[in-house]
Amino acid sequence: MGVSIKSIEAERKLRRVAKLLGKSLTAAVIELADSRLKELEGRKDRERRLKEIDEIVKRYNLKPPLTDKSVDEILGYNDKGYFD
């Protein structure tokens, strides 16, 4: 299967990358494509995980508090701001 690069600039850059990598044009294209695919798939996976975390936080925030104590009381601060 062949690919035709119709841009002189694209071909020049690809040849430079291939030379710097010490690989053939085909190997350079494969490496560049693999690298970009990994980046894009990782971004998609990151977005999915962030959505899941947001859902967990939303569910947590809907739950009633387990205590009537303030944060300071839980941590043990007194009215002067020191630990008891």
Protein backbone atom coordinates (compact mmCIF):
# COMPACT_ATOMS: atom_id res chain seq x y z
CA MET A 1 0.00 0.00 0.00
CA GLY A 2 1.37 3.40 -0.87
CA VAL A 3 0.95 6.87 0.54
CA SER A 4 1.62 9.95 -1.49
CA ILE A 5 2.91 13.04 0.26
CA LYS A 6 2.03 16.04 -1.85
CA SER A 7 3.63 18.68 0.36
CA ILE A 8 7.29 19.47 -0.08
CA GLU A 9 7.42 20.80 3.48
CA ALA A 10 5.83 17.63 4.91
CA GLU A 11 8.24 15.42 2.99
CA ARG A 12 11.24 17.52 4.06
CA LYS A 13 10.19 17.33 7.71
CA LEU A 14 9.52 13.61 7.53
CA ARG A 15 12.91 12.96 5.97
CA ARG A 16 14.56 15.05 8.70
CA VAL A 17 12.73 13.12 11.44
CA ALA A 18 13.65 9.80 9.83
CA LYS A 19 17.30 10.85 9.61
CA LEU A 20 17.37 11.99 13.25
CA LEU A 21 15.76 8.72 14.32
CA GLY A 22 18.11 6.73 12.11
CA LYS A 23 15.15 4.96 10.53
CA SER A 24 13.53 4.58 7.16
CA LEU A 25 10.67 6.87 6.14
CA THR A 26 8.20 4.04 6.74
CA ALA A 27 9.57 3.29 10.21
CA ALA A 28 9.53 7.00 11.07
CA VAL A 29 5.90 7.34 9.97
CA ILE A 30 4.93 4.29 12.05
CA GLU A 31 6.77 5.62 15.11
CA LEU A 32 5.24 9.08 14.76
CA ALA A 33 1.75 7.64 14.27
CA ASP A 34 2.14 5.27 17.24
CA SER A 35 3.33 8.11 19.44
CA ARG A 36 0.43 10.37 18.45
CA LEU A 37 -2.13 7.59 18.84
CA LYS A 38 -0.84 6.81 22.33
CA GLU A 39 -1.10 10.50 23.26
CA LEU A 40 -4.65 10.85 21.89
CA GLU A 41 -5.88 7.63 23.47
CA GLY A 42 -4.30 8.63 26.78
CA ARG A 43 -6.10 11.97 26.64
CA LYS A 44 -9.40 10.19 25.99
CA ASP A 45 -8.75 7.80 28.89
CA ARG A 46 -7.87 10.72 31.16
CA GLU A 47 -11.13 12.47 30.29
CA ARG A 48 -13.06 9.28 31.08
CA ARG A 49 -11.35 8.93 34.47
CA LEU A 50 -12.01 12.59 35.32
CA LYS A 51 -15.71 12.09 34.50
CA GLU A 52 -15.79 9.06 36.81
CA ILE A 53 -14.15 11.06 39.60
CA ASP A 54 -16.67 13.88 39.12
CA GLU A 55 -19.52 11.38 39.44
CA ILE A 56 -18.04 9.96 42.66
CA VAL A 57 -17.69 13.47 44.11
CA LYS A 58 -21.29 14.31 43.18
CA ARG A 59 -22.58 11.15 44.85
CA TYR A 60 -20.47 11.84 47.94
CA ASN A 61 -21.76 15.42 48.21
CA LEU A 62 -25.35 14.18 48.14
CA LYS A 63 -24.83 12.06 51.27
CA PRO A 64 -25.77 13.57 54.64
CA PRO A 65 -22.92 14.41 57.03
CA LEU A 66 -21.95 11.67 59.50
CA THR A 67 -21.57 14.12 62.41
CA ASP A 68 -22.80 17.48 63.67
CA LYS A 69 -19.29 18.53 64.66
CA SER A 70 -17.51 21.36 62.86
CA VAL A 71 -14.23 20.78 61.10
CA ASP A 72 -12.40 22.52 63.97
CA GLU A 73 -14.08 20.24 66.51
CA ILE A 74 -13.15 17.16 64.51
CA LEU A 75 -9.53 18.32 64.26
CA GLY A 76 -9.44 19.19 67.96
CA TYR A 77 -9.01 22.97 67.84
CA ASN A 78 -10.25 24.98 70.81
CA ASP A 79 -11.78 28.48 70.74
CA LYS A 80 -8.27 30.04 70.68
CA GLY A 81 -7.21 28.04 67.62
CA TYR A 82 -4.97 25.61 69.49
CA PHE A 83 -5.20 21.86 69.84
CA ASP A 84 -6.67 20.66 73.14
